[in-house]
PDB file of N, CA and C in Angstrom:
ATOM      1  N   MET A   1    -105.824 187.098 -88.517  1.00  0.00           N
ATOM      2  CA  MET A   1    -106.456 185.891 -88.020  1.00  0.00           C
ATOM      3  C   MET A   1    -106.258 185.860 -86.511  1.00  0.00           C
ATOM      4  N   ILE A   2    -107.332 185.540 -85.803  1.00  0.00           N
ATOM      5  CA  ILE A   2    -107.257 185.375 -84.360  1.00  0.00           C
ATOM      6  C   ILE A   2    -107.370 183.891 -84.045  1.00  0.00           C
ATOM      7  N   PHE A   3    -106.406 183.388 -83.302  1.00  0.00           N
ATOM      8  CA  PHE A   3    -106.470 181.996 -82.886  1.00  0.00           C
ATOM      9  C   PHE A   3    -107.247 181.892 -81.585  1.00  0.00           C
ATOM     10  N   ASP A   4    -108.206 181.007 -81.558  1.00  0.00           N
ATOM     11  CA  ASP A   4    -108.988 180.721 -80.372  1.00  0.00           C
ATOM     12  C   ASP A   4    -108.090 180.024 -79.342  1.00  0.00           C
ATOM     13  N   SER A   5    -108.509 180.082 -78.092  1.00  0.00           N
ATOM     14  CA  SER A   5    -107.739 179.481 -76.996  1.00  0.00           C
ATOM     15  C   SER A   5    -107.438 178.006 -77.228  1.00  0.00           C
ATOM     16  N   CYS A   6    -108.379 177.299 -77.843  1.00  0.00           N
ATOM     17  CA  CYS A   6    -108.179 175.859 -78.034  1.00  0.00           C
ATOM     18  C   CYS A   6    -106.977 175.568 -78.923  1.00  0.00           C
ATOM     19  N   ILE A   7    -106.636 176.489 -79.806  1.00  0.00           N
ATOM     20  CA  ILE A   7    -105.452 176.274 -80.638  1.00  0.00           C
ATOM     21  C   ILE A   7    -104.198 176.358 -79.780  1.00  0.00           C
ATOM     22  N   TRP A   8    -104.133 177.399 -78.924  1.00  0.00           N
ATOM     23  CA  TRP A   8    -102.955 177.540 -78.062  1.00  0.00           C
ATOM     24  C   TRP A   8    -102.819 176.351 -77.123  1.00  0.00           C
ATOM     25  N   VAL A   9    -103.934 175.898 -76.561  1.00  0.00           N
ATOM     26  CA  VAL A   9    -103.907 174.749 -75.652  1.00  0.00           C
ATOM     27  C   VAL A   9    -103.509 173.486 -76.418  1.00  0.00           C
ATOM     28  N   GLY A  10    -104.083 173.312 -77.597  1.00  0.00           N
ATOM     29  CA  GLY A  10    -103.756 172.142 -78.410  1.00  0.00           C
ATOM     30  C   GLY A  10    -102.292 172.097 -78.817  1.00  0.00           C
ATOM     31  N   LEU A  11    -101.730 173.253 -79.140  1.00  0.00           N
ATOM     32  CA  LEU A  11    -100.303 173.304 -79.475  1.00  0.00           C
ATOM     33  C   LEU A  11     -99.448 172.957 -78.260  1.00  0.00           C
ATOM     34  N   ALA A  12     -99.804 173.511 -77.092  1.00  0.00           N
ATOM     35  CA  ALA A  12     -99.029 173.252 -75.875  1.00  0.00           C
ATOM     36  C   ALA A  12     -99.061 171.778 -75.499  1.00  0.00           C
ATOM     37  N   ALA A  13    -100.196 171.118 -75.748  1.00  0.00           N
ATOM     38  CA  ALA A  13    -100.362 169.709 -75.381  1.00  0.00           C
ATOM     39  C   ALA A  13     -99.941 168.753 -76.496  1.00  0.00           C
ATOM     40  N   ASN A  14     -99.395 169.304 -77.576  1.00  0.00           N
ATOM     41  CA  ASN A  14     -99.007 168.494 -78.740  1.00  0.00           C
ATOM     42  C   ASN A  14    -100.177 167.722 -79.322  1.00  0.00           C
ATOM     43  N   GLN A  15    -101.386 168.288 -79.220  1.00  0.00           N
ATOM     44  CA  GLN A  15    -102.577 167.672 -79.795  1.00  0.00           C
ATOM     45  C   GLN A  15    -102.878 168.212 -81.188  1.00  0.00           C
ATOM     46  N   ILE A  16    -102.207 169.274 -81.552  1.00  0.00           N
ATOM     47  CA  ILE A  16    -102.380 169.879 -82.872  1.00  0.00           C
ATOM     48  C   ILE A  16    -101.022 169.929 -83.543  1.00  0.00           C
ATOM     49  N   ASP A  17    -100.989 169.557 -84.795  1.00  0.00           N
ATOM     50  CA  ASP A  17     -99.763 169.622 -85.579  1.00  0.00           C
ATOM     51  C   ASP A  17     -99.430 171.083 -85.865  1.00  0.00           C
ATOM     52  N   PRO A  18     -98.279 171.567 -85.407  1.00  0.00           N
ATOM     53  CA  PRO A  18     -97.918 172.965 -85.663  1.00  0.00           C
ATOM     54  C   PRO A  18     -97.939 173.327 -87.147  1.00  0.00           C
ATOM     55  N   GLN A  19     -97.586 172.387 -88.008  1.00  0.00           N
ATOM     56  CA  GLN A  19     -97.595 172.673 -89.444  1.00  0.00           C
ATOM     57  C   GLN A  19     -99.009 172.924 -89.943  1.00  0.00           C
ATOM     58  N   ALA A  20     -99.996 172.224 -89.375  1.00  0.00           N
ATOM     59  CA  ALA A  20    -101.393 172.459 -89.756  1.00  0.00           C
ATOM     60  C   ALA A  20    -101.816 173.876 -89.385  1.00  0.00           C
ATOM     61  N   VAL A  21    -101.331 174.365 -88.251  1.00  0.00           N
ATOM     62  CA  VAL A  21    -101.643 175.728 -87.824  1.00  0.00           C
ATOM     63  C   VAL A  21    -100.977 176.733 -88.755  1.00  0.00           C
ATOM     64  N   ILE A  22     -99.735 176.479 -89.090  1.00  0.00           N
ATOM     65  CA  ILE A  22     -99.012 177.356 -90.024  1.00  0.00           C
ATOM     66  C   ILE A  22     -99.723 177.386 -91.369  1.00  0.00           C
ATOM     67  N   ASN A  23    -100.142 176.229 -91.843  1.00  0.00           N
ATOM     68  CA  ASN A  23    -100.853 176.155 -93.120  1.00  0.00           C
ATOM     69  C   ASN A  23    -102.191 176.890 -93.065  1.00  0.00           C
ATOM     70  N   ALA A  24    -102.898 176.759 -91.932  1.00  0.00           N
ATOM     71  CA  ALA A  24    -104.199 177.421 -91.780  1.00  0.00           C
ATOM     72  C   ALA A  24    -104.035 178.936 -91.793  1.00  0.00           C
ATOM     73  N   ALA A  25    -102.972 179.423 -91.179  1.00  0.00           N
ATOM     74  CA  ALA A  25    -102.746 180.871 -91.113  1.00  0.00           C
ATOM     75  C   ALA A  25    -102.266 181.423 -92.447  1.00  0.00           C
ATOM     76  N   GLY A  26    -101.497 180.637 -93.171  1.00  0.00           N
ATOM     77  CA  GLY A  26    -100.944 181.133 -94.432  1.00  0.00           C
ATOM     78  C   GLY A  26    -100.119 182.384 -94.190  1.00  0.00           C
ATOM     79  N   ASP A  27    -100.372 183.415 -94.974  1.00  0.00           N
ATOM     80  CA  ASP A  27     -99.631 184.664 -94.843  1.00  0.00           C
ATOM     81  C   ASP A  27    -100.332 185.678 -93.935  1.00  0.00           C
ATOM     82  N   ALA A  28    -101.470 185.301 -93.385  1.00  0.00           N
ATOM     83  CA  ALA A  28    -102.243 186.233 -92.549  1.00  0.00           C
ATOM     84  C   ALA A  28    -101.505 186.495 -91.235  1.00  0.00           C
ATOM     85  N   PRO A  29    -101.582 187.724 -90.744  1.00  0.00           N
ATOM     86  CA  PRO A  29    -101.016 187.971 -89.406  1.00  0.00           C
ATOM     87  C   PRO A  29    -101.833 187.216 -88.366  1.00  0.00           C
ATOM     88  N   VAL A  30    -101.164 186.721 -87.338  1.00  0.00           N
ATOM     89  CA  VAL A  30    -101.823 185.929 -86.305  1.00  0.00           C
ATOM     90  C   VAL A  30    -101.825 186.714 -84.998  1.00  0.00           C
ATOM     91  N   PHE A  31    -103.011 186.793 -84.395  1.00  0.00           N
ATOM     92  CA  PHE A  31    -103.180 187.485 -83.127  1.00  0.00           C
ATOM     93  C   PHE A  31    -103.767 186.524 -82.112  1.00  0.00           C
ATOM     94  N   THR A  32    -103.594 186.877 -80.860  1.00  0.00           N
ATOM     95  CA  THR A  32    -104.320 186.205 -79.795  1.00  0.00           C
ATOM     96  C   THR A  32    -105.268 187.225 -79.182  1.00  0.00           C
ATOM     97  N   SER A  33    -106.261 186.752 -78.535  1.00  0.00           N
ATOM     98  CA  SER A  33    -107.239 187.612 -77.885  1.00  0.00           C
ATOM     99  C   SER A  33    -106.867 187.785 -76.419  1.00  0.00           C
ATOM    100  N   THR A  34    -107.115 188.962 -75.882  1.00  0.00           N
ATOM    101  CA  THR A  34    -106.912 189.144 -74.450  1.00  0.00           C
ATOM    102  C   THR A  34    -107.852 188.231 -73.657  1.00  0.00           C
ATOM    103  N   VAL A  35    -108.965 187.862 -74.256  1.00  0.00           N
ATOM    104  CA  VAL A  35    -109.877 186.900 -73.617  1.00  0.00           C
ATOM    105  C   VAL A  35    -109.180 185.538 -73.517  1.00  0.00           C
ATOM    106  N   SER A  36    -108.503 185.134 -74.572  1.00  0.00           N
ATOM    107  CA  SER A  36    -107.754 183.873 -74.543  1.00  0.00           C
ATOM    108  C   SER A  36    -106.637 183.927 -73.502  1.00  0.00           C
ATOM    109  N   LEU A  37    -105.985 185.079 -73.384  1.00  0.00           N
ATOM    110  CA  LEU A  37    -104.942 185.207 -72.369  1.00  0.00           C
ATOM    111  C   LEU A  37    -105.528 184.986 -70.977  1.00  0.00           C
ATOM    112  N   GLY A  38    -106.735 185.499 -70.747  1.00  0.00           N
ATOM    113  CA  GLY A  38    -107.405 185.265 -69.470  1.00  0.00           C
ATOM    114  C   GLY A  38    -107.726 183.800 -69.258  1.00  0.00           C
ATOM    115  N   GLU A  39    -108.199 183.144 -70.314  1.00  0.00           N
ATOM    116  CA  GLU A  39    -108.511 181.712 -70.203  1.00  0.00           C
ATOM    117  C   GLU A  39    -107.250 180.904 -69.905  1.00  0.00           C
ATOM    118  N   LEU A  40    -106.165 181.228 -70.598  1.00  0.00           N
ATOM    119  CA  LEU A  40    -104.910 180.515 -70.366  1.00  0.00           C
ATOM    120  C   LEU A  40    -104.379 180.790 -68.959  1.00  0.00           C
ATOM    121  N   ASN A  41    -104.518 182.028 -68.486  1.00  0.00           N
ATOM    122  CA  ASN A  41    -104.082 182.358 -67.136  1.00  0.00           C
ATOM    123  C   ASN A  41    -104.916 181.607 -66.099  1.00  0.00           C
ATOM    124  N   PHE A  42    -106.205 181.450 -66.367  1.00  0.00           N
ATOM    125  CA  PHE A  42    -107.044 180.633 -65.486  1.00  0.00           C
ATOM    126  C   PHE A  42    -106.484 179.215 -65.400  1.00  0.00           C
ATOM    127  N   GLY A  43    -106.058 178.679 -66.533  1.00  0.00           N
ATOM    128  CA  GLY A  43    -105.473 177.333 -66.550  1.00  0.00           C
ATOM    129  C   GLY A  43    -104.218 177.244 -65.699  1.00  0.00           C
ATOM    130  N   VAL A  44    -103.425 178.309 -65.699  1.00  0.00           N
ATOM    131  CA  VAL A  44    -102.231 178.348 -64.857  1.00  0.00           C
ATOM    132  C   VAL A  44    -102.642 178.418 -63.384  1.00  0.00           C
ATOM    133  N   GLN A  45    -103.513 179.368 -63.069  1.00  0.00           N
ATOM    134  CA  GLN A  45    -103.872 179.623 -61.671  1.00  0.00           C
ATOM    135  C   GLN A  45    -104.632 178.473 -61.033  1.00  0.00           C
ATOM    136  N   SER A  46    -105.370 177.718 -61.811  1.00  0.00           N
ATOM    137  CA  SER A  46    -106.173 176.626 -61.249  1.00  0.00           C
ATOM    138  C   SER A  46    -105.428 175.293 -61.195  1.00  0.00           C
ATOM    139  N   CYS A  47    -104.231 175.256 -61.716  1.00  0.00           N
ATOM    140  CA  CYS A  47    -103.449 174.013 -61.726  1.00  0.00           C
ATOM    141  C   CYS A  47    -102.806 173.789 -60.360  1.00  0.00           C
ATOM    142  N   THR A  48    -103.004 172.614 -59.800  1.00  0.00           N
ATOM    143  CA  THR A  48    -102.460 172.318 -58.468  1.00  0.00           C
ATOM    144  C   THR A  48    -101.102 171.628 -58.504  1.00  0.00           C
ATOM    145  N   ASP A  49    -100.749 171.044 -59.641  1.00  0.00           N
ATOM    146  CA  ASP A  49     -99.450 170.375 -59.757  1.00  0.00           C
ATOM    147  C   ASP A  49     -98.372 171.421 -60.061  1.00  0.00           C
ATOM    148  N   PRO A  50     -97.364 171.576 -59.194  1.00  0.00           N
ATOM    149  CA  PRO A  50     -96.368 172.635 -59.393  1.00  0.00           C
ATOM    150  C   PRO A  50     -95.593 172.542 -60.709  1.00  0.00           C
ATOM    151  N   THR A  51     -95.257 171.337 -61.122  1.00  0.00           N
ATOM    152  CA  THR A  51     -94.511 171.170 -62.371  1.00  0.00           C
ATOM    153  C   THR A  51     -95.374 171.564 -63.567  1.00  0.00           C
ATOM    154  N   GLU A  52     -96.602 171.071 -63.593  1.00  0.00           N
ATOM    155  CA  GLU A  52     -97.525 171.409 -64.682  1.00  0.00           C
ATOM    156  C   GLU A  52     -97.827 172.903 -64.676  1.00  0.00           C
ATOM    157  N   ARG A  53     -97.997 173.456 -63.504  1.00  0.00           N
ATOM    158  CA  ARG A  53     -98.286 174.894 -63.399  1.00  0.00           C
ATOM    159  C   ARG A  53     -97.138 175.720 -63.969  1.00  0.00           C
ATOM    160  N   ALA A  54     -95.906 175.337 -63.670  1.00  0.00           N
ATOM    161  CA  ALA A  54     -94.737 176.054 -64.197  1.00  0.00           C
ATOM    162  C   ALA A  54     -94.679 175.952 -65.717  1.00  0.00           C
ATOM    163  N   MET A  55     -94.996 174.773 -66.255  1.00  0.00           N
ATOM    164  CA  MET A  55     -94.993 174.602 -67.703  1.00  0.00           C
ATOM    165  C   MET A  55     -96.073 175.462 -68.345  1.00  0.00           C
ATOM    166  N   ARG A  56     -97.267 175.483 -67.740  1.00  0.00           N
ATOM    167  CA  ARG A  56     -98.350 176.305 -68.272  1.00  0.00           C
ATOM    168  C   ARG A  56     -97.989 177.788 -68.210  1.00  0.00           C
ATOM    169  N   ALA A  57     -97.369 178.207 -67.118  1.00  0.00           N
ATOM    170  CA  ALA A  57     -96.984 179.608 -66.979  1.00  0.00           C
ATOM    171  C   ALA A  57     -95.945 179.995 -68.030  1.00  0.00           C
ATOM    172  N   ALA A  58     -94.997 179.115 -68.290  1.00  0.00           N
ATOM    173  CA  ALA A  58     -93.994 179.388 -69.312  1.00  0.00           C
ATOM    174  C   ALA A  58     -94.637 179.491 -70.693  1.00  0.00           C
ATOM    175  N   TYR A  59     -95.580 178.616 -70.964  1.00  0.00           N
ATOM    176  CA  TYR A  59     -96.268 178.667 -72.259  1.00  0.00           C
ATOM    177  C   TYR A  59     -97.118 179.931 -72.370  1.00  0.00           C
ATOM    178  N   LEU A  60     -97.775 180.309 -71.283  1.00  0.00           N
ATOM    179  CA  LEU A  60     -98.562 181.541 -71.289  1.00  0.00           C
ATOM    180  C   LEU A  60     -97.673 182.736 -71.623  1.00  0.00           C
ATOM    181  N   ARG A  61     -96.482 182.777 -71.067  1.00  0.00           N
ATOM    182  CA  ARG A  61     -95.555 183.881 -71.383  1.00  0.00           C
ATOM    183  C   ARG A  61     -95.219 183.906 -72.871  1.00  0.00           C
ATOM    184  N   GLN A  62     -95.087 182.725 -73.484  1.00  0.00           N
ATOM    185  CA  GLN A  62     -94.835 182.676 -74.925  1.00  0.00           C
ATOM    186  C   GLN A  62     -96.008 183.250 -75.704  1.00  0.00           C
ATOM    187  N   VAL A  63     -97.221 182.851 -75.348  1.00  0.00           N
ATOM    188  CA  VAL A  63     -98.409 183.348 -76.043  1.00  0.00           C
ATOM    189  C   VAL A  63     -98.561 184.846 -75.805  1.00  0.00           C
ATOM    190  N   GLU A  64     -98.260 185.304 -74.591  1.00  0.00           N
ATOM    191  CA  GLU A  64     -98.350 186.730 -74.278  1.00  0.00           C
ATOM    192  C   GLU A  64     -97.389 187.574 -75.112  1.00  0.00           C
ATOM    193  N   SER A  65     -96.337 186.954 -75.627  1.00  0.00           N
ATOM    194  CA  SER A  65     -95.373 187.703 -76.442  1.00  0.00           C
ATOM    195  C   SER A  65     -95.887 187.955 -77.861  1.00  0.00           C
ATOM    196  N   ARG A  66     -96.967 187.290 -78.231  1.00  0.00           N
ATOM    197  CA  ARG A  66     -97.568 187.484 -79.552  1.00  0.00           C
ATOM    198  C   ARG A  66     -98.429 188.744 -79.538  1.00  0.00           C
ATOM    199  N   PRO A  67     -98.690 189.297 -80.709  1.00  0.00           N
ATOM    200  CA  PRO A  67     -99.605 190.448 -80.753  1.00  0.00           C
ATOM    201  C   PRO A  67    -100.986 190.051 -80.235  1.00  0.00           C
ATOM    202  N   ALA A  68    -101.556 190.909 -79.392  1.00  0.00           N
ATOM    203  CA  ALA A  68    -102.862 190.624 -78.796  1.00  0.00           C
ATOM    204  C   ALA A  68    -103.855 191.723 -79.158  1.00  0.00           C
ATOM    205  N   ILE A  69    -105.110 191.323 -79.256  1.00  0.00           N
ATOM    206  CA  ILE A  69    -106.194 192.265 -79.542  1.00  0.00           C
ATOM    207  C   ILE A  69    -107.036 192.399 -78.284  1.00  0.00           C
ATOM    208  N   GLY A  70    -107.277 193.641 -77.882  1.00  0.00           N
ATOM    209  CA  GLY A  70    -108.029 193.912 -76.665  1.00  0.00           C
ATOM    210  C   GLY A  70    -109.519 194.077 -76.926  1.00  0.00           C
ATOM    211  N   VAL A  71    -110.231 194.344 -75.852  1.00  0.00           N
ATOM    212  CA  VAL A  71    -111.674 194.539 -75.899  1.00  0.00           C
ATOM    213  C   VAL A  71    -111.960 196.039 -75.840  1.00  0.00           C
ATOM    214  N   SER A  72    -112.804 196.499 -76.729  1.00  0.00           N
ATOM    215  CA  SER A  72    -113.171 197.916 -76.788  1.00  0.00           C
ATOM    216  C   SER A  72    -114.693 198.062 -76.706  1.00  0.00           C
ATOM    217  N   LYS A  73    -115.159 199.296 -76.752  1.00  0.00           N
ATOM    218  CA  LYS A  73    -116.604 199.539 -76.791  1.00  0.00           C
ATOM    219  C   LYS A  73    -117.214 198.912 -78.042  1.00  0.00           C
ATOM    220  N   HIS A  74    -116.476 198.932 -79.135  1.00  0.00           N
ATOM    221  CA  HIS A  74    -116.976 198.336 -80.381  1.00  0.00           C
ATOM    222  C   HIS A  74    -117.056 196.813 -80.253  1.00  0.00           C
ATOM    223  N   THR A  75    -116.084 196.239 -79.537  1.00  0.00           N
ATOM    224  CA  THR A  75    -116.135 194.799 -79.277  1.00  0.00           C
ATOM    225  C   THR A  75    -117.376 194.471 -78.460  1.00  0.00           C
ATOM    226  N   ALA A  76    -117.644 195.294 -77.455  1.00  0.00           N
ATOM    227  CA  ALA A  76    -118.808 195.062 -76.597  1.00  0.00           C
ATOM    228  C   ALA A  76    -120.100 195.117 -77.405  1.00  0.00           C
ATOM    229  N   ALA A  77    -120.182 196.072 -78.329  1.00  0.00           N
ATOM    230  CA  ALA A  77    -121.377 196.169 -79.174  1.00  0.00           C
ATOM    231  C   ALA A  77    -121.513 194.932 -80.055  1.00  0.00           C
ATOM    232  N   ALA A  78    -120.405 194.487 -80.641  1.00  0.00           N
ATOM    233  CA  ALA A  78    -120.444 193.287 -81.487  1.00  0.00           C
ATOM    234  C   ALA A  78    -120.813 192.055 -80.660  1.00  0.00           C
ATOM    235  N   PHE A  79    -120.293 191.984 -79.431  1.00  0.00           N
ATOM    236  CA  PHE A  79    -120.646 190.868 -78.546  1.00  0.00           C
ATOM    237  C   PHE A  79    -122.147 190.843 -78.291  1.00  0.00           C
ATOM    238  N   GLY A  80    -122.721 192.003 -78.014  1.00  0.00           N
ATOM    239  CA  GLY A  80    -124.158 192.072 -77.750  1.00  0.00           C
ATOM    240  C   GLY A  80    -124.975 191.552 -78.913  1.00  0.00           C
ATOM    241  N   VAL A  81    -124.583 191.919 -80.123  1.00  0.00           N
ATOM    242  CA  VAL A  81    -125.289 191.457 -81.320  1.00  0.00           C
ATOM    243  C   VAL A  81    -125.149 189.944 -81.461  1.00  0.00           C
ATOM    244  N   LEU A  82    -123.932 189.433 -81.285  1.00  0.00           N
ATOM    245  CA  LEU A  82    -123.703 187.991 -81.437  1.00  0.00           C
ATOM    246  C   LEU A  82    -124.439 187.194 -80.358  1.00  0.00           C
ATOM    247  N   ALA A  83    -124.369 187.643 -79.109  1.00  0.00           N
ATOM    248  CA  ALA A  83    -125.045 186.922 -78.026  1.00  0.00           C
ATOM    249  C   ALA A  83    -126.557 186.923 -78.226  1.00  0.00           C
ATOM    250  N   ALA A  84    -127.096 188.054 -78.684  1.00  0.00           N
ATOM    251  CA  ALA A  84    -128.538 188.120 -78.952  1.00  0.00           C
ATOM    252  C   ALA A  84    -128.921 187.188 -80.098  1.00  0.00           C
ATOM    253  N   ALA A  85    -128.082 187.100 -81.120  1.00  0.00           N
ATOM    254  CA  ALA A  85    -128.366 186.208 -82.246  1.00  0.00           C
ATOM    255  C   ALA A  85    -128.377 184.752 -81.794  1.00  0.00           C
ATOM    256  N   VAL A  86    -127.452 184.384 -80.916  1.00  0.00           N
ATOM    257  CA  VAL A  86    -127.420 183.021 -80.386  1.00  0.00           C
ATOM    258  C   VAL A  86    -128.697 182.746 -79.592  1.00  0.00           C
ATOM    259  N   LYS A  87    -129.086 183.706 -78.754  1.00  0.00           N
ATOM    260  CA  LYS A  87    -130.302 183.526 -77.951  1.00  0.00           C
ATOM    261  C   LYS A  87    -131.538 183.446 -78.838  1.00  0.00           C
ATOM    262  N   GLN A  88    -131.601 184.290 -79.868  1.00  0.00           N
ATOM    263  CA  GLN A  88    -132.741 184.278 -80.783  1.00  0.00           C
ATOM    264  C   GLN A  88    -132.819 182.973 -81.573  1.00  0.00           C
ATOM    265  N   ALA A  89    -131.686 182.311 -81.711  1.00  0.00           N
ATOM    266  CA  ALA A  89    -131.660 181.017 -82.400  1.00  0.00           C
ATOM    267  C   ALA A  89    -132.059 179.878 -81.470  1.00  0.00           C
ATOM    268  N   GLY A  90    -132.406 180.229 -80.218  1.00  0.00           N
ATOM    269  CA  GLY A  90    -132.876 179.214 -79.295  1.00  0.00           C
ATOM    270  C   GLY A  90    -131.795 178.562 -78.463  1.00  0.00           C
ATOM    271  N   ARG A  91    -130.597 179.122 -78.473  1.00  0.00           N
ATOM    272  CA  ARG A  91    -129.490 178.559 -77.697  1.00  0.00           C
ATOM    273  C   ARG A  91    -129.072 179.557 -76.628  1.00  0.00           C
ATOM    274  N   SER A  92    -128.496 179.078 -75.573  1.00  0.00           N
ATOM    275  CA  SER A  92    -127.997 179.958 -74.523  1.00  0.00           C
ATOM    276  C   SER A  92    -126.597 180.444 -74.892  1.00  0.00           C
ATOM    277  N   PRO A  93    -126.365 181.748 -74.821  1.00  0.00           N
ATOM    278  CA  PRO A  93    -125.024 182.245 -75.101  1.00  0.00           C
ATOM    279  C   PRO A  93    -124.044 182.014 -73.945  1.00  0.00           C
ATOM    280  N   ARG A  94    -124.538 181.660 -72.774  1.00  0.00           N
ATOM    281  CA  ARG A  94    -123.680 181.534 -71.593  1.00  0.00           C
ATOM    282  C   ARG A  94    -122.555 180.508 -71.736  1.00  0.00           C
ATOM    283  N   PRO A  95    -122.820 179.293 -72.231  1.00  0.00           N
ATOM    284  CA  PRO A  95    -121.710 178.331 -72.329  1.00  0.00           C
ATOM    285  C   PRO A  95    -120.623 178.764 -73.315  1.00  0.00           C
ATOM    286  N   HIS A  96    -120.965 179.676 -74.189  1.00  0.00           N
ATOM    287  CA  HIS A  96    -120.023 180.102 -75.228  1.00  0.00           C
ATOM    288  C   HIS A  96    -119.614 181.565 -75.060  1.00  0.00           C
ATOM    289  N   CYS A  97    -119.771 182.079 -73.865  1.00  0.00           N
ATOM    290  CA  CYS A  97    -119.563 183.505 -73.619  1.00  0.00           C
ATOM    291  C   CYS A  97    -118.185 183.982 -74.079  1.00  0.00           C
ATOM    292  N   ASN A  98    -117.132 183.309 -73.658  1.00  0.00           N
ATOM    293  CA  ASN A  98    -115.789 183.746 -74.062  1.00  0.00           C
ATOM    294  C   ASN A  98    -115.581 183.600 -75.566  1.00  0.00           C
ATOM    295  N   ASP A  99    -116.119 182.533 -76.140  1.00  0.00           N
ATOM    296  CA  ASP A  99    -116.016 182.362 -77.589  1.00  0.00           C
ATOM    297  C   ASP A  99    -116.704 183.508 -78.328  1.00  0.00           C
ATOM    298  N   LEU A 100    -117.828 183.957 -77.788  1.00  0.00           N
ATOM    299  CA  LEU A 100    -118.539 185.081 -78.416  1.00  0.00           C
ATOM    300  C   LEU A 100    -117.740 186.370 -78.308  1.00  0.00           C
ATOM    301  N   TRP A 101    -117.053 186.581 -77.187  1.00  0.00           N
ATOM    302  CA  TRP A 101    -116.194 187.762 -77.060  1.00  0.00           C
ATOM    303  C   TRP A 101    -115.068 187.716 -78.097  1.00  0.00           C
ATOM    304  N   ILE A 102    -114.464 186.561 -78.262  1.00  0.00           N
ATOM    305  CA  ILE A 102    -113.371 186.426 -79.234  1.00  0.00           C
ATOM    306  C   ILE A 102    -113.908 186.614 -80.653  1.00  0.00           C
ATOM    307  N   ALA A 103    -115.078 186.049 -80.939  1.00  0.00           N
ATOM    308  CA  ALA A 103    -115.698 186.253 -82.257  1.00  0.00           C
ATOM    309  C   ALA A 103    -116.011 187.727 -82.478  1.00  0.00           C
ATOM    310  N   ALA A 104    -116.443 188.421 -81.426  1.00  0.00           N
ATOM    311  CA  ALA A 104    -116.723 189.852 -81.541  1.00  0.00           C
ATOM    312  C   ALA A 104    -115.453 190.634 -81.857  1.00  0.00           C
ATOM    313  N   GLN A 105    -114.343 190.233 -81.259  1.00  0.00           N
ATOM    314  CA  GLN A 105    -113.063 190.885 -81.569  1.00  0.00           C
ATOM    315  C   GLN A 105    -112.689 190.670 -83.032  1.00  0.00           C
ATOM    316  N   ALA A 106    -112.864 189.447 -83.506  1.00  0.00           N
ATOM    317  CA  ALA A 106    -112.559 189.157 -84.909  1.00  0.00           C
ATOM    318  C   ALA A 106    -113.451 189.988 -85.820  1.00  0.00           C
ATOM    319  N   ASN A 107    -114.742 190.045 -85.492  1.00  0.00           N
ATOM    320  CA  ASN A 107    -115.696 190.809 -86.289  1.00  0.00           C
ATOM    321  C   ASN A 107    -115.318 192.283 -86.317  1.00  0.00           C
ATOM    322  N   GLU A 108    -115.025 192.833 -85.160  1.00  0.00           N
ATOM    323  CA  GLU A 108    -114.683 194.251 -85.058  1.00  0.00           C
ATOM    324  C   GLU A 108    -113.461 194.610 -85.891  1.00  0.00           C
ATOM    325  N   ASN A 109    -112.474 193.724 -85.904  1.00  0.00           N
ATOM    326  CA  ASN A 109    -111.205 194.026 -86.566  1.00  0.00           C
ATOM    327  C   ASN A 109    -111.097 193.483 -87.980  1.00  0.00           C
ATOM    328  N   GLY A 110    -112.157 192.808 -88.448  1.00  0.00           N
ATOM    329  CA  GLY A 110    -112.137 192.274 -89.800  1.00  0.00           C
ATOM    330  C   GLY A 110    -111.217 191.087 -89.972  1.00  0.00           C
ATOM    331  N   TYR A 111    -110.995 190.336 -88.890  1.00  0.00           N
ATOM    332  CA  TYR A 111    -110.118 189.173 -88.951  1.00  0.00           C
ATOM    333  C   TYR A 111    -110.941 187.890 -88.987  1.00  0.00           C
ATOM    334  N   VAL A 112    -110.318 186.846 -89.452  1.00  0.00           N
ATOM    335  CA  VAL A 112    -110.908 185.514 -89.423  1.00  0.00           C
ATOM    336  C   VAL A 112    -110.624 184.930 -88.052  1.00  0.00           C
ATOM    337  N   LEU A 113    -111.603 184.276 -87.472  1.00  0.00           N
ATOM    338  CA  LEU A 113    -111.419 183.557 -86.213  1.00  0.00           C
ATOM    339  C   LEU A 113    -111.163 182.106 -86.554  1.00  0.00           C
ATOM    340  N   SER A 114    -110.054 181.580 -86.067  1.00  0.00           N
ATOM    341  CA  SER A 114    -109.724 180.191 -86.348  1.00  0.00           C
ATOM    342  C   SER A 114    -109.843 179.364 -85.083  1.00  0.00           C
ATOM    343  N   PRO A 115    -110.989 178.685 -84.892  1.00  0.00           N
ATOM    344  CA  PRO A 115    -111.148 177.833 -83.716  1.00  0.00           C
ATOM    345  C   PRO A 115    -110.662 176.414 -83.943  1.00  0.00           C
ATOM    346  N   LEU A 116    -110.127 176.090 -85.085  1.00  0.00           N
ATOM    347  CA  LEU A 116    -109.544 174.820 -85.496  1.00  0.00           C
ATOM    348  C   LEU A 116    -110.117 173.580 -84.825  1.00  0.00           C
ATOM    349  N   LEU A 117    -110.228 173.546 -83.486  1.00  0.00           N
ATOM    350  CA  LEU A 117    -110.724 172.360 -82.794  1.00  0.00           C
ATOM    351  C   LEU A 117    -112.189 172.462 -82.422  1.00  0.00           C
ATOM    352  N   SER A 118    -112.784 173.600 -82.655  1.00  0.00           N
ATOM    353  CA  SER A 118    -114.139 173.822 -82.153  1.00  0.00           C
ATOM    354  C   SER A 118    -115.138 172.868 -82.770  1.00  0.00           C
ATOM    355  N   THR A 119    -116.035 172.377 -81.926  1.00  0.00           N
ATOM    356  CA  THR A 119    -117.114 171.507 -82.409  1.00  0.00           C
ATOM    357  C   THR A 119    -118.466 172.183 -82.244  1.00  0.00           C
ATOM    358  N   SER A 120    -118.471 173.432 -81.745  1.00  0.00           N
ATOM    359  CA  SER A 120    -119.741 174.124 -81.521  1.00  0.00           C
ATOM    360  C   SER A 120    -119.922 175.258 -82.498  1.00  0.00           C
TER     361      SER A 120
END
């Protein structure tokens, strides 16, 4: 199972019950995406409050300690198919670009993508 960035952010902000995440994962191995690591790092780098930035950086280090799945040529091919399907459905893939990369990683590796908070 790959957890989407919103799960990591929700856990850090105490907006998601950790037990709900544990229950959702069950016995499945849990991975993070290197795309999510980039998104979380953006959150650290763009934060102007030093205290908040330090907290975000510490949390990012915790997430980085989890097993991560990278992007490969196969991921890129899966992304192309998913982005084209979104466009063919009449929607722009641009607002969901990172989500599509993470979905492509899940597809490539045969994992479930758990966006838990996603509304799109």
